[in-house]
C-alpha cells in the first residue's frame, strides 16, 4: 500500500500519504520506515486498547465509589485511564537492547545484551509509587511503564487513550447505574503477556 500511494503521488490526507510527504531531520522516510510505523500503530489501537478498556471497566466496577466519582466528574476520566494502565498494564514486559555497558544494582549488563523489563513489577515499585498495590486515581501524576518510556514509548498511546476516553464517557452516559451482574462470575484480569478480562458481565437501568 505504501508503494502504491507513493506511485500515485501521495496527495491524499490519509496517514500513509502524510508520512510519505513529511520531512524529518532533513530527510524523508523510506517505504520500510513508513511500513514499520503503520504496522506498529495498527495493533496498538486494537487488541491492546480493547484489553485496557476491559481492565479499566473491571477496576471501576470493582470500586463503585470510584466509578461514581468519575461519573460525576469527567475530568477524572484520564486519571482513571492512567492509573489503570499503571495498576494493571496490558503488556507485562518490554524487551530492550542495552545501548552501552551498564550496571543495575550490582548486575553487569554488557552493551548489546537483550533485557526483559517486567512492567508489572516496575509499576508496583514502592520506591516509585506510594501504596503501589492500591488502585488510586488521586495519586500524583508520574510516568509508569504501561506505554513504555523514552524514545521507545508506544506510538499508539494517544490514539488508545482517546478511544478509551470516548468509550468510558459513552458507557457512563448511555448505561445508567452500570454495575456487575451478581448472578454471573466476576471478571478476572488474566494473562501472562497480554493481560485483560475475558468477560465482563454487567447490568444497567
Protein backbone atom coordinates (compact mmCIF):
# COMPACT_ATOMS: atom_id res chain seq x y z
CA UNK A 1 0.00 0.00 0.00
CA UNK A 2 2.86 2.37 0.80
CA UNK A 3 4.43 1.75 -2.62
CA UNK A 4 1.06 2.27 -4.34
CA UNK A 5 0.42 5.56 -2.51
CA UNK A 6 3.92 6.82 -3.35
CA UNK A 7 3.50 5.87 -7.03
CA UNK A 8 0.15 7.68 -7.12
CA UNK A 9 1.74 10.88 -5.83
CA UNK A 10 0.76 10.57 -2.16
CA UNK A 11 -1.58 13.55 -2.47
CA UNK A 12 -4.27 12.30 -0.08
CA UNK A 13 -4.86 13.28 3.53
CA UNK A 14 -4.54 9.69 4.82
CA UNK A 15 -1.83 8.72 7.29
CA UNK A 16 0.40 6.91 4.78
CA UNK A 17 0.34 9.79 2.28
CA UNK A 18 1.14 12.26 5.04
CA UNK A 19 4.08 10.12 6.22
CA UNK A 20 5.40 9.94 2.66
CA UNK A 21 5.34 13.73 2.42
CA UNK A 22 6.75 14.62 5.83
CA UNK A 23 10.38 15.65 6.25
CA UNK A 24 12.16 14.54 9.42
CA UNK A 25 15.65 15.73 10.43
CA UNK A 26 16.37 16.87 6.91
CA UNK A 27 15.24 13.73 5.10
CA UNK A 28 12.12 11.87 4.02
CA UNK A 29 11.04 8.48 5.38
CA UNK A 30 11.57 5.47 3.13
CA UNK A 31 8.94 2.79 2.45
CA UNK A 32 10.36 0.44 5.09
CA UNK A 33 10.22 3.09 7.83
CA UNK A 34 6.65 4.05 6.94
CA UNK A 35 5.53 0.42 6.79
CA UNK A 36 7.11 -0.27 10.19
CA UNK A 37 5.42 2.78 11.68
CA UNK A 38 1.98 1.82 10.37
CA UNK A 39 2.44 -1.84 11.31
CA UNK A 40 3.22 -0.74 14.88
CA UNK A 41 0.27 1.64 15.04
CA UNK A 42 -2.43 -0.79 13.87
CA UNK A 43 -2.30 -3.33 16.73
CA UNK A 44 -1.74 -0.56 19.27
CA UNK A 45 -5.20 0.78 18.53
CA UNK A 46 -6.97 -2.59 18.55
CA UNK A 47 -6.35 -5.54 20.88
CA UNK A 48 -4.26 -3.75 23.48
CA UNK A 49 -6.78 -0.91 23.60
CA UNK A 50 -9.67 -3.35 23.97
CA UNK A 51 -7.94 -5.19 26.81
CA UNK A 52 -7.01 -1.93 28.55
CA UNK A 53 -10.60 -0.73 28.32
CA UNK A 54 -11.86 -4.02 29.76
CA UNK A 55 -9.35 -3.71 32.61
CA UNK A 56 -10.37 -0.11 33.30
CA UNK A 57 -14.06 -1.07 33.45
CA UNK A 58 -13.26 -4.04 35.71
CA UNK A 59 -11.35 -1.83 38.16
CA UNK A 60 -14.07 0.82 38.19
CA UNK A 61 -16.90 -1.69 38.63
CA UNK A 62 -14.98 -3.37 41.46
CA UNK A 63 -14.68 0.06 43.09
CA UNK A 64 -18.21 1.56 42.82
CA UNK A 65 -17.29 4.65 44.84
CA UNK A 66 -14.54 5.49 42.35
CA UNK A 67 -16.89 4.79 39.43
CA UNK A 68 -19.44 7.22 40.90
CA UNK A 69 -16.79 9.91 41.31
CA UNK A 70 -15.74 9.51 37.69
CA UNK A 71 -19.38 9.55 36.54
CA UNK A 72 -19.95 12.84 38.35
CA UNK A 73 -16.64 14.44 37.43
CA UNK A 74 -15.50 13.61 33.91
CA UNK A 75 -12.20 15.43 34.44
CA UNK A 76 -11.21 12.25 36.33
CA UNK A 77 -11.58 10.03 33.25
CA UNK A 78 -7.98 10.43 32.07
CA UNK A 79 -6.67 9.97 35.62
CA UNK A 80 -8.60 6.70 35.83
CA UNK A 81 -7.14 5.57 32.49
CA UNK A 82 -3.57 6.39 33.55
CA UNK A 83 -4.00 4.61 36.89
CA UNK A 84 -5.50 1.51 35.24
CA UNK A 85 -2.52 1.39 32.86
CA UNK A 86 -0.15 1.63 35.83
CA UNK A 87 -2.02 -0.77 38.10
CA UNK A 88 -2.77 -3.49 35.53
CA UNK A 89 -0.72 -2.86 32.36
CA UNK A 90 -1.85 -4.83 29.33
CA UNK A 91 1.72 -5.60 28.24
CA UNK A 92 3.51 -7.28 31.14
CA UNK A 93 7.06 -6.86 29.82
CA UNK A 94 9.15 -4.95 27.31
CA UNK A 95 12.27 -6.27 25.60
CA UNK A 96 15.11 -3.81 25.14
CA UNK A 97 18.74 -3.97 23.98
CA UNK A 98 21.42 -2.29 26.08
CA UNK A 99 22.98 0.59 24.14
CA UNK A 100 26.08 0.62 26.35
CA UNK A 101 27.75 -1.29 29.18
CA UNK A 102 25.99 -0.58 32.44
CA UNK A 103 25.32 -1.96 35.90
CA UNK A 104 21.97 -2.11 37.70
CA UNK A 105 22.03 -2.93 41.42
CA UNK A 106 25.31 -4.78 41.12
CA UNK A 107 24.35 -6.73 37.99
CA UNK A 108 26.58 -6.01 34.98
CA UNK A 109 24.75 -5.70 31.65
CA UNK A 110 27.04 -5.62 28.60
CA UNK A 111 26.36 -3.49 25.56
CA UNK A 112 24.14 -5.38 23.09
CA UNK A 113 22.57 -7.63 25.73
CA UNK A 114 18.83 -8.21 25.45
CA UNK A 115 17.00 -7.22 28.63
CA UNK A 116 13.45 -8.16 29.57
CA UNK A 117 11.92 -5.35 31.62
CA UNK A 118 8.98 -6.53 33.75
CA UNK A 119 6.42 -3.72 33.50
CA UNK A 120 4.04 -5.21 36.07
CA UNK A 121 6.81 -5.16 38.67
CA UNK A 122 8.08 -1.67 37.82
CA UNK A 123 4.56 -0.23 38.02
CA UNK A 124 4.13 -1.63 41.55
CA UNK A 125 7.55 -0.48 42.79
CA UNK A 126 7.05 1.00 46.28
CA UNK A 127 10.14 3.19 45.78
CA UNK A 128 8.37 4.88 42.86
CA UNK A 129 4.68 4.70 43.81
CA UNK A 130 3.24 5.18 47.28
CA UNK A 131 0.70 2.46 48.17
CA UNK A 132 1.64 0.86 44.85
CA UNK A 133 -0.75 -2.08 45.28
CA UNK A 134 -3.78 0.21 45.53
CA UNK A 135 -5.89 1.39 42.58
CA UNK A 136 -5.84 5.13 43.32
CA UNK A 137 -6.91 7.69 40.74
CA UNK A 138 -5.83 10.50 43.07
CA UNK A 139 -2.13 9.67 43.07
CA UNK A 140 0.24 12.37 41.84
CA UNK A 141 0.86 12.13 38.09
CA UNK A 142 4.02 10.17 37.40
CA UNK A 143 5.05 8.24 34.28
CA UNK A 144 4.55 4.50 34.51
CA UNK A 145 5.89 1.91 32.08
CA UNK A 146 2.48 0.80 30.77
CA UNK A 147 3.10 2.51 27.43
CA UNK A 148 6.87 2.21 27.61
CA UNK A 149 9.13 5.17 28.29
CA UNK A 150 11.55 7.46 26.48
CA UNK A 151 12.30 7.12 22.75
CA UNK A 152 10.64 3.68 22.56
CA UNK A 153 7.32 4.60 24.15
CA UNK A 154 4.19 3.34 22.42
CA UNK A 155 3.38 5.48 19.41
CA UNK A 156 -0.28 4.43 19.60
CA UNK A 157 -0.86 5.55 23.19
CA UNK A 158 -2.56 8.81 22.22
CA UNK A 159 -4.97 7.00 19.90
CA UNK A 160 -5.61 4.39 22.60
CA UNK A 161 -6.26 6.95 25.34
CA UNK A 162 -8.61 8.92 23.10
CA UNK A 163 -10.60 5.78 22.20
CA UNK A 164 -10.81 4.65 25.84
CA UNK A 165 -11.84 8.14 26.96
CA UNK A 166 -14.66 8.21 24.39
CA UNK A 167 -15.78 4.66 25.28
CA UNK A 168 -15.88 5.29 29.03
CA UNK A 169 -17.80 8.54 28.62
CA UNK A 170 -20.28 6.81 26.32
CA UNK A 171 -20.89 4.00 28.81
CA UNK A 172 -21.37 6.46 31.67
CA UNK A 173 -23.83 8.45 29.54
CA UNK A 174 -25.77 5.57 27.98
CA UNK A 175 -25.79 2.92 30.73
CA UNK A 176 -27.17 4.44 33.94
CA UNK A 177 -26.24 2.67 37.16
CA UNK A 178 -23.98 0.19 35.38
CA UNK A 179 -22.84 -2.48 37.82
CA UNK A 180 -21.51 -6.02 37.97
CA UNK A 181 -24.14 -8.73 37.49
CA UNK A 182 -24.28 -10.55 40.86
CA UNK A 183 -25.64 -13.71 39.20
CA UNK A 184 -22.65 -14.11 36.87
CA UNK A 185 -18.96 -14.82 37.57
CA UNK A 186 -16.98 -11.74 38.45
CA UNK A 187 -14.36 -10.51 35.98
CA UNK A 188 -10.73 -11.55 36.35
CA UNK A 189 -7.78 -9.74 34.83
CA UNK A 190 -5.61 -12.55 33.47
CA UNK A 191 -2.78 -13.18 31.02
CA UNK A 192 0.95 -13.74 31.11
CA UNK A 193 1.94 -11.50 28.19
CA UNK A 194 -1.18 -9.51 27.26
CA UNK A 195 -3.49 -9.06 30.22
CA UNK A 196 -7.17 -8.21 30.48
CA UNK A 197 -10.56 -9.70 31.39
CA UNK A 198 -12.09 -12.33 29.10
CA UNK A 199 -15.61 -11.27 30.07
CA UNK A 200 -17.38 -8.52 31.98
CA UNK A 201 -20.99 -9.27 32.92
CA UNK A 202 -22.92 -6.12 33.80
CA UNK A 203 -26.42 -4.79 34.41
CA UNK A 204 -27.73 -1.26 33.95
CA UNK A 205 -31.06 0.53 34.35
